[in-house]
C-alpha atoms as a PDB file:
ATOM      1  CA  MET A   1     115.780  99.001  71.237  1.00  0.00           C
ATOM      2  CA  ILE A   2     114.109 101.094  73.961  1.00  0.00           C
ATOM      3  CA  LEU A   3     113.484 103.829  71.393  1.00  0.00           C
ATOM      4  CA  LEU A   4     111.778 101.289  69.138  1.00  0.00           C
ATOM      5  CA  PHE A   5     109.420 100.034  71.845  1.00  0.00           C
ATOM      6  CA  ASN A   6     108.843 103.405  73.480  1.00  0.00           C
ATOM      7  CA  LYS A   7     108.339 105.723  70.532  1.00  0.00           C
ATOM      8  CA  ILE A   8     107.778 103.788  67.313  1.00  0.00           C
ATOM      9  CA  LEU A   9     105.797 100.617  68.042  1.00  0.00           C
ATOM     10  CA  PRO A  10     103.131 102.430  70.131  1.00  0.00           C
ATOM     11  CA  ILE A  11     102.148 104.350  66.994  1.00  0.00           C
ATOM     12  CA  LEU A  12     100.619 101.130  65.671  1.00  0.00           C
ATOM     13  CA  LEU A  13      98.449 100.810  68.777  1.00  0.00           C
ATOM     14  CA  LEU A  14      97.075 104.348  68.651  1.00  0.00           C
ATOM     15  CA  PRO A  15      93.832 105.113  66.761  1.00  0.00           C
ATOM     16  CA  ILE A  16      95.416 106.430  63.554  1.00  0.00           C
ATOM     17  CA  GLY A  17      98.066 103.716  63.301  1.00  0.00           C
ATOM     18  CA  PHE A  18      95.595 100.976  64.218  1.00  0.00           C
ATOM     19  CA  THR A  19      93.117 102.277  61.639  1.00  0.00           C
ATOM     20  CA  LEU A  20      95.765 102.277  58.910  1.00  0.00           C
ATOM     21  CA  LEU A  21      96.688  98.685  59.782  1.00  0.00           C
ATOM     22  CA  CYS A  22      93.031  97.673  59.611  1.00  0.00           C
ATOM     23  CA  LEU A  23      92.545  99.399  56.253  1.00  0.00           C
ATOM     24  CA  LEU A  24      95.678  97.757  54.874  1.00  0.00           C
ATOM     25  CA  ALA A  25      94.568  94.338  56.130  1.00  0.00           C
ATOM     26  CA  GLY A  26      91.105  94.870  54.687  1.00  0.00           C
ATOM     27  CA  LEU A  27      92.470  95.750  51.261  1.00  0.00           C
ATOM     28  CA  LEU A  28      95.001  92.922  51.174  1.00  0.00           C
ATOM     29  CA  LEU A  29      92.680  90.259  52.557  1.00  0.00           C
ATOM     30  CA  ARG A  30      89.541  91.675  50.917  1.00  0.00           C
ATOM     31  CA  LYS A  31      87.728  91.619  54.269  1.00  0.00           C
ATOM     32  CA  LYS A  32      85.246  94.408  54.913  1.00  0.00           C
ATOM     33  CA  LEU A  33      85.306  93.615  58.637  1.00  0.00           C
ATOM     34  CA  PHE A  34      88.817  95.043  58.916  1.00  0.00           C
ATOM     35  CA  LEU A  35      87.800  98.172  57.015  1.00  0.00           C
ATOM     36  CA  TRP A  36      84.773  98.829  59.206  1.00  0.00           C
ATOM     37  CA  THR A  37      86.727  98.091  62.395  1.00  0.00           C
ATOM     38  CA  GLY A  38      89.367 100.650  61.483  1.00  0.00           C
ATOM     39  CA  LEU A  39      86.841 103.321  60.595  1.00  0.00           C
ATOM     40  CA  LEU A  40      84.859 102.648  63.781  1.00  0.00           C
ATOM     41  CA  VAL A  41      87.948 103.009  65.976  1.00  0.00           C
ATOM     42  CA  LEU A  42      88.930 106.251  64.240  1.00  0.00           C
ATOM     43  CA  ALA A  43      85.433 107.702  64.583  1.00  0.00           C
ATOM     44  CA  LEU A  44      85.054 106.626  68.200  1.00  0.00           C
ATOM     45  CA  PHE A  45      88.263 108.253  69.425  1.00  0.00           C
ATOM     46  CA  SER A  46      87.447 111.413  67.449  1.00  0.00           C
ATOM     47  CA  LEU A  47      84.391 112.090  69.623  1.00  0.00           C
ATOM     48  CA  PRO A  48      84.699 114.625  72.469  1.00  0.00           C
ATOM     49  CA  ILE A  49      82.418 112.404  74.557  1.00  0.00           C
ATOM     50  CA  VAL A  50      85.214 109.790  74.419  1.00  0.00           C
ATOM     51  CA  SER A  51      88.405 111.864  74.312  1.00  0.00           C
ATOM     52  CA  ASP A  52      87.563 114.255  77.165  1.00  0.00           C
ATOM     53  CA  PRO A  53      86.883 111.601  79.841  1.00  0.00           C
ATOM     54  CA  LEU A  54      89.934 109.676  78.628  1.00  0.00           C
ATOM     55  CA  MET A  55      92.185 112.702  78.980  1.00  0.00           C
ATOM     56  CA  ARG A  56      90.587 113.620  82.308  1.00  0.00           C
ATOM     57  CA  GLN A  57      91.418 110.182  83.649  1.00  0.00           C
ATOM     58  CA  VAL A  58      95.070 110.499  82.600  1.00  0.00           C
ATOM     59  CA  GLU A  59      95.488 114.064  83.886  1.00  0.00           C
ATOM     60  CA  GLY A  60      94.374 113.228  87.407  1.00  0.00           C
ATOM     61  CA  PRO A  61      93.191 115.962  89.803  1.00  0.00           C
ATOM     62  CA  LEU A  62      91.492 118.700  87.798  1.00  0.00           C
ATOM     63  CA  ARG A  63      92.970 121.499  89.813  1.00  0.00           C
ATOM     64  CA  ARG A  64      96.243 123.323  89.383  1.00  0.00           C
ATOM     65  CA  ALA A  65      97.910 123.768  92.751  1.00  0.00           C
ATOM     66  CA  PRO A  66      98.665 127.379  93.716  1.00  0.00           C
ATOM     67  CA  VAL A  67     102.377 128.094  93.951  1.00  0.00           C
ATOM     68  CA  SER A  68     101.935 129.186  97.560  1.00  0.00           C
ATOM     69  CA  ALA A  69     100.731 125.681  98.495  1.00  0.00           C
ATOM     70  CA  VAL A  70     103.808 123.909  97.094  1.00  0.00           C
ATOM     71  CA  GLY A  71     106.444 122.792  99.584  1.00  0.00           C
ATOM     72  CA  LYS A  72     110.128 123.619  99.297  1.00  0.00           C
ATOM     73  CA  ALA A  73     112.561 121.297  97.607  1.00  0.00           C
ATOM     74  CA  ASP A  74     116.196 120.899  96.620  1.00  0.00           C
ATOM     75  CA  ALA A  75     115.443 121.733  92.993  1.00  0.00           C
ATOM     76  CA  ILE A  76     112.734 122.477  90.472  1.00  0.00           C
ATOM     77  CA  VAL A  77     112.887 120.211  87.412  1.00  0.00           C
ATOM     78  CA  VAL A  78     111.146 121.378  84.243  1.00  0.00           C
ATOM     79  CA  LEU A  79     110.738 118.717  81.579  1.00  0.00           C
ATOM     80  CA  SER A  80     111.266 119.437  77.893  1.00  0.00           C
ATOM     81  CA  GLY A  81     108.625 119.374  75.177  1.00  0.00           C
ATOM     82  CA  MET A  82     107.431 122.939  74.650  1.00  0.00           C
ATOM     83  CA  LEU A  83     109.549 124.613  71.963  1.00  0.00           C
ATOM     84  CA  GLN A  84     109.587 124.610  68.171  1.00  0.00           C
ATOM     85  CA  GLN A  85     112.884 125.562  66.579  1.00  0.00           C
ATOM     86  CA  ILE A  86     112.555 127.553  63.381  1.00  0.00           C
ATOM     87  CA  LYS A  87     114.725 129.930  61.397  1.00  0.00           C
ATOM     88  CA  ASN A  88     115.080 133.475  62.781  1.00  0.00           C
ATOM     89  CA  ALA A  89     113.727 132.457  66.210  1.00  0.00           C
ATOM     90  CA  PRO A  90     116.991 132.286  68.227  1.00  0.00           C
ATOM     91  CA  VAL A  91     115.325 130.946  71.389  1.00  0.00           C
ATOM     92  CA  GLY A  92     112.610 128.967  69.612  1.00  0.00           C
ATOM     93  CA  GLU A  93     108.865 129.503  69.468  1.00  0.00           C
ATOM     94  CA  TRP A  94     106.433 128.231  72.086  1.00  0.00           C
ATOM     95  CA  GLY A  95     104.408 125.076  71.541  1.00  0.00           C
ATOM     96  CA  ASP A  96     101.368 123.946  73.501  1.00  0.00           C
ATOM     97  CA  ALA A  97     103.189 123.116  76.749  1.00  0.00           C
ATOM     98  CA  VAL A  98     104.581 126.579  77.545  1.00  0.00           C
ATOM     99  CA  ASP A  99     102.917 126.295  80.982  1.00  0.00           C
ATOM    100  CA  ARG A 100     105.777 123.982  81.976  1.00  0.00           C
ATOM    101  CA  PHE A 101     108.284 126.807  81.639  1.00  0.00           C
ATOM    102  CA  GLU A 102     106.052 129.442  83.204  1.00  0.00           C
ATOM    103  CA  GLY A 103     105.198 127.147  86.099  1.00  0.00           C
ATOM    104  CA  GLY A 104     108.872 126.469  86.771  1.00  0.00           C
ATOM    105  CA  ILE A 105     109.750 130.171  86.706  1.00  0.00           C
ATOM    106  CA  ASP A 106     106.861 131.007  89.064  1.00  0.00           C
ATOM    107  CA  LEU A 107     108.036 128.357  91.522  1.00  0.00           C
ATOM    108  CA  PHE A 108     111.624 129.594  91.410  1.00  0.00           C
ATOM    109  CA  LYS A 109     110.673 133.231  91.913  1.00  0.00           C
ATOM    110  CA  ALA A 110     108.519 132.157  94.873  1.00  0.00           C
ATOM    111  CA  GLY A 111     111.641 130.695  96.487  1.00  0.00           C
ATOM    112  CA  LYS A 112     110.502 127.071  96.367  1.00  0.00           C
ATOM    113  CA  ALA A 113     113.991 125.820  95.488  1.00  0.00           C
ATOM    114  CA  PRO A 114     117.479 127.319  95.101  1.00  0.00           C
ATOM    115  CA  VAL A 115     118.013 125.929  91.594  1.00  0.00           C
ATOM    116  CA  ILE A 116     115.927 125.222  88.508  1.00  0.00           C
ATOM    117  CA  VAL A 117     116.833 122.355  86.195  1.00  0.00           C
ATOM    118  CA  PHE A 118     116.001 122.260  82.499  1.00  0.00           C
ATOM    119  CA  THR A 119     116.352 118.961  80.683  1.00  0.00           C
ATOM    120  CA  ARG A 120     118.216 119.093  77.392  1.00  0.00           C
ATOM    121  CA  GLY A 121     115.574 117.276  75.362  1.00  0.00           C
ATOM    122  CA  GLN A 122     116.708 116.257  71.901  1.00  0.00           C
ATOM    123  CA  ILE A 123     115.132 113.827  69.439  1.00  0.00           C
ATOM    124  CA  PRO A 124     117.788 111.165  68.712  1.00  0.00           C
ATOM    125  CA  TRP A 125     117.590 111.605  64.933  1.00  0.00           C
ATOM    126  CA  HIS A 126     117.754 115.424  65.189  1.00  0.00           C
ATOM    127  CA  THR A 127     121.200 115.743  66.750  1.00  0.00           C
ATOM    128  CA  SER A 128     121.953 118.952  64.845  1.00  0.00           C
ATOM    129  CA  VAL A 129     119.136 120.768  66.668  1.00  0.00           C
ATOM    130  CA  THR A 130     119.988 122.727  69.818  1.00  0.00           C
ATOM    131  CA  PRO A 131     118.857 120.813  72.933  1.00  0.00           C
ATOM    132  CA  GLU A 132     115.709 122.433  74.292  1.00  0.00           C
ATOM    133  CA  GLY A 133     117.100 123.027  77.762  1.00  0.00           C
ATOM    134  CA  ASP A 134     119.758 125.379  76.353  1.00  0.00           C
ATOM    135  CA  LEU A 135     117.062 127.615  74.877  1.00  0.00           C
ATOM    136  CA  LEU A 136     114.930 127.485  78.023  1.00  0.00           C
ATOM    137  CA  ALA A 137     117.933 128.534  80.095  1.00  0.00           C
ATOM    138  CA  ARG A 138     118.375 131.606  77.889  1.00  0.00           C
ATOM    139  CA  ARG A 139     114.697 132.462  78.255  1.00  0.00           C
ATOM    140  CA  ALA A 140     114.921 132.039  82.031  1.00  0.00           C
ATOM    141  CA  MET A 141     117.860 134.470  82.279  1.00  0.00           C
ATOM    142  CA  LEU A 142     115.903 137.008  80.218  1.00  0.00           C
ATOM    143  CA  LEU A 143     113.228 136.807  82.935  1.00  0.00           C
ATOM    144  CA  GLY A 144     115.712 137.487  85.716  1.00  0.00           C
ATOM    145  CA  VAL A 145     116.720 133.993  86.804  1.00  0.00           C
ATOM    146  CA  PRO A 146     120.446 134.185  87.659  1.00  0.00           C
ATOM    147  CA  ASN A 147     122.803 131.983  85.681  1.00  0.00           C
ATOM    148  CA  HIS A 148     124.214 130.353  88.830  1.00  0.00           C
ATOM    149  CA  ALA A 149     120.741 129.044  89.735  1.00  0.00           C
ATOM    150  CA  ILE A 150     120.207 127.256  86.405  1.00  0.00           C
ATOM    151  CA  ARG A 151     121.259 123.661  85.835  1.00  0.00           C
ATOM    152  CA  LEU A 152     121.204 121.697  82.575  1.00  0.00           C
ATOM    153  CA  THR A 153     121.161 117.934  82.227  1.00  0.00           C
ATOM    154  CA  ALA A 154     123.002 115.956  79.596  1.00  0.00           C
ATOM    155  CA  SER A 155     121.179 115.501  76.292  1.00  0.00           C
ATOM    156  CA  VAL A 156     118.150 113.225  76.698  1.00  0.00           C
ATOM    157  CA  GLY A 157     115.689 111.557  74.336  1.00  0.00           C
ATOM    158  CA  ASN A 158     112.799 110.524  76.579  1.00  0.00           C
ATOM    159  CA  THR A 159     111.344 110.805  80.068  1.00  0.00           C
ATOM    160  CA  ALA A 160     113.349 107.912  81.481  1.00  0.00           C
ATOM    161  CA  GLU A 161     116.579 109.532  80.312  1.00  0.00           C
ATOM    162  CA  GLU A 162     115.462 112.863  81.787  1.00  0.00           C
ATOM    163  CA  ALA A 163     115.045 111.229  85.194  1.00  0.00           C
ATOM    164  CA  VAL A 164     118.423 109.488  85.091  1.00  0.00           C
ATOM    165  CA  ALA A 165     120.217 112.598  83.829  1.00  0.00           C
ATOM    166  CA  ALA A 166     118.615 114.782  86.507  1.00  0.00           C
ATOM    167  CA  ALA A 167     119.615 112.284  89.201  1.00  0.00           C
ATOM    168  CA  LYS A 168     123.211 112.322  87.999  1.00  0.00           C
ATOM    169  CA  LEU A 169     123.235 116.117  87.803  1.00  0.00           C
ATOM    170  CA  LEU A 170     121.844 116.586  91.322  1.00  0.00           C
ATOM    171  CA  GLY A 171     123.925 113.855  92.911  1.00  0.00           C
ATOM    172  CA  VAL A 172     121.204 111.344  93.709  1.00  0.00           C
ATOM    173  CA  GLY A 173     122.381 107.874  94.690  1.00  0.00           C
ATOM    174  CA  ASN A 174     124.659 106.171  97.190  1.00  0.00           C
ATOM    175  CA  GLY A 175     122.346 107.099 100.029  1.00  0.00           C
ATOM    176  CA  SER A 176     121.899 110.705  98.900  1.00  0.00           C
ATOM    177  CA  ALA A 177     118.207 111.596  98.553  1.00  0.00           C
ATOM    178  CA  LYS A 178     116.852 114.706  96.871  1.00  0.00           C
ATOM    179  CA  THR A 179     113.411 116.272  96.780  1.00  0.00           C
ATOM    180  CA  VAL A 180     112.377 117.903  93.520  1.00  0.00           C
ATOM    181  CA  ILE A 181     109.334 119.795  92.357  1.00  0.00           C
ATOM    182  CA  LEU A 182     108.577 118.122  89.055  1.00  0.00           C
ATOM    183  CA  VAL A 183     106.922 120.384  86.493  1.00  0.00           C
ATOM    184  CA  THR A 184     105.271 118.843  83.462  1.00  0.00           C
ATOM    185  CA  SER A 185     101.945 118.567  81.662  1.00  0.00           C
ATOM    186  CA  ALA A 186      99.167 117.056  83.768  1.00  0.00           C
ATOM    187  CA  TYR A 187      98.652 114.165  81.344  1.00  0.00           C
ATOM    188  CA  HIS A 188     102.378 113.376  81.478  1.00  0.00           C
ATOM    189  CA  MET A 189     102.752 113.525  85.262  1.00  0.00           C
ATOM    190  CA  PRO A 190     101.911 109.895  86.185  1.00  0.00           C
ATOM    191  CA  ARG A 191     104.599 108.495  83.886  1.00  0.00           C
ATOM    192  CA  ALA A 192     107.122 111.229  84.678  1.00  0.00           C
ATOM    193  CA  ARG A 193     106.631 110.916  88.429  1.00  0.00           C
ATOM    194  CA  PHE A 194     107.102 107.152  88.249  1.00  0.00           C
ATOM    195  CA  GLN A 195     110.362 107.577  86.350  1.00  0.00           C
ATOM    196  CA  PHE A 196     111.760 110.172  88.744  1.00  0.00           C
ATOM    197  CA  GLU A 197     110.862 108.114  91.782  1.00  0.00           C
ATOM    198  CA  GLN A 198     112.565 105.133  90.146  1.00  0.00           C
ATOM    199  CA  ALA A 199     115.655 107.318  89.734  1.00  0.00           C
ATOM    200  CA  GLY A 200     115.729 107.971  93.497  1.00  0.00           C
ATOM    201  CA  PHE A 201     113.919 111.288  93.868  1.00  0.00           C
ATOM    202  CA  LYS A 202     111.225 112.278  96.290  1.00  0.00           C
ATOM    203  CA  VAL A 203     108.786 114.020  93.953  1.00  0.00           C
ATOM    204  CA  ILE A 204     106.467 116.941  94.584  1.00  0.00           C
ATOM    205  CA  PRO A 205     104.275 117.013  91.452  1.00  0.00           C
ATOM    206  CA  PHE A 206     103.301 120.335  89.917  1.00  0.00           C
ATOM    207  CA  ARG A 207     100.809 119.673  87.137  1.00  0.00           C
ATOM    208  CA  VAL A 208     100.334 122.260  84.395  1.00  0.00           C
ATOM    209  CA  ASP A 209      99.127 122.380  80.784  1.00  0.00           C
ATOM    210  CA  TYR A 210      95.712 120.812  81.366  1.00  0.00           C
ATOM    211  CA  HIS A 211      93.883 119.712  78.217  1.00  0.00           C
ATOM    212  CA  THR A 212      90.478 119.496  79.889  1.00  0.00           C
ATOM    213  CA  ASP A 213      88.586 121.867  82.156  1.00  0.00           C
ATOM    214  CA  ASP A 214      86.705 121.372  85.416  1.00  0.00           C
ATOM    215  CA  THR A 215      83.307 122.279  83.974  1.00  0.00           C
ATOM    216  CA  PRO A 216      82.583 119.487  81.473  1.00  0.00           C
ATOM    217  CA  GLU A 217      79.456 120.234  79.500  1.00  0.00           C
ATOM    218  CA  VAL A 218      77.860 117.686  77.198  1.00  0.00           C
ATOM    219  CA  THR A 219      76.268 119.241  74.115  1.00  0.00           C
ATOM    220  CA  VAL A 220      75.392 118.053  70.636  1.00  0.00           C
ATOM    221  CA  LEU A 221      78.986 118.899  69.619  1.00  0.00           C
ATOM    222  CA  SER A 222      80.216 116.277  72.086  1.00  0.00           C
ATOM    223  CA  TYR A 223      78.895 113.611  69.711  1.00  0.00           C
ATOM    224  CA  LEU A 224      80.456 115.032  66.549  1.00  0.00           C
ATOM    225  CA  PRO A 225      83.961 113.821  65.580  1.00  0.00           C
ATOM    226  CA  ASN A 226      86.771 116.346  65.173  1.00  0.00           C
ATOM    227  CA  ALA A 227      90.545 116.355  64.737  1.00  0.00           C
ATOM    228  CA  GLU A 228      91.227 118.025  68.095  1.00  0.00           C
ATOM    229  CA  SER A 229      89.474 115.224  69.970  1.00  0.00           C
ATOM    230  CA  LEU A 230      91.360 112.596  67.980  1.00  0.00           C
ATOM    231  CA  ALA A 231      94.670 114.262  68.910  1.00  0.00           C
ATOM    232  CA  LYS A 232      93.579 114.378  72.550  1.00  0.00           C
ATOM    233  CA  SER A 233      92.730 110.668  72.512  1.00  0.00           C
ATOM    234  CA  GLU A 234      96.082 109.820  70.933  1.00  0.00           C
ATOM    235  CA  THR A 235      97.967 111.849  73.544  1.00  0.00           C
ATOM    236  CA  ALA A 236      96.127 110.213  76.446  1.00  0.00           C
ATOM    237  CA  LEU A 237      96.516 106.696  75.051  1.00  0.00           C
ATOM    238  CA  ARG A 238     100.202 107.260  74.325  1.00  0.00           C
ATOM    239  CA  GLU A 239     100.718 108.139  77.988  1.00  0.00           C
ATOM    240  CA  VAL A 240      98.879 105.014  79.123  1.00  0.00           C
ATOM    241  CA  ILE A 241     101.005 102.865  76.806  1.00  0.00           C
ATOM    242  CA  GLY A 242     104.193 104.580  78.005  1.00  0.00           C
ATOM    243  CA  TRP A 243     103.254 104.103  81.653  1.00  0.00           C
ATOM    244  CA  LEU A 244     102.492 100.413  81.101  1.00  0.00           C
ATOM    245  CA  PHE A 245     105.747  99.966  79.182  1.00  0.00           C
ATOM    246  CA  TYR A 246     107.902 101.374  81.967  1.00  0.00           C
ATOM    247  CA  ARG A 247     105.947  99.452  84.614  1.00  0.00           C
ATOM    248  CA  ALA A 248     106.552  96.228  82.697  1.00  0.00           C
ATOM    249  CA  LYS A 249     110.188  97.144  82.093  1.00  0.00           C
ATOM    250  CA  GLY A 250     110.734  97.649  85.816  1.00  0.00           C
ATOM    251  CA  PHE A 251     108.874  94.462  86.733  1.00  0.00           C
ATOM    252  CA  LEU A 252     110.899  92.414  84.265  1.00  0.00           C
ATOM    253  CA  LYS A 253     114.089  94.251  85.315  1.00  0.00           C
ATOM    254  CA  ILE A 254     115.004  95.084  81.742  1.00  0.00           C
ATOM    255  CA  PRO A 255     117.977  97.511  81.652  1.00  0.00           C
END
């Protein structure tokens, strides 16, 4: 049920899904208003002048903290979501969020925590695929991180499960508090931080993988739609929907 509300239903609220619903309604009901509404929404969220401020708002502070400025913690937790698994790539190939892994390794080598935790992210309907954390652990050892300093959670399917699994792994609960440096994409940090604090952690956020820069420049291209801007809008809106979902879930005390 949580998977349905968290991963599938939001698709219908995002620009592409909403546009398809409008087009379908327009064709079935023979109403041009639905058709034009769908096309307008799609065009609007495809504009850099819309997607960049939206992503900037979700990402928060437009500045990556230097490793030297990060306080020490009980563990570094690196969230999944950065590898593609393909044939003849035994440890996977990097996706867009590789900064998560690199940021975690930099923090560990700087002595910010004695252990580094990788979450064993796995899409529920892809159970035959190796959990991502297993591959990240192998990559970490290739870079000199000792095996005894690496921890792996149980298999997880979303951010909420990552938080709960990390808490169980690190012994949070029953009066035992832990401080973790949480490493994830900047746009994902608000939702991830909320989940980890709900699980009982004191969180030191370490934002990486920014999708916007700190020198926004408006040009004629800012008013021309493109696929990259549409993807950026969808990512930002998905995070907002996810954050609202978990806020509502906690308020309503839904298990």
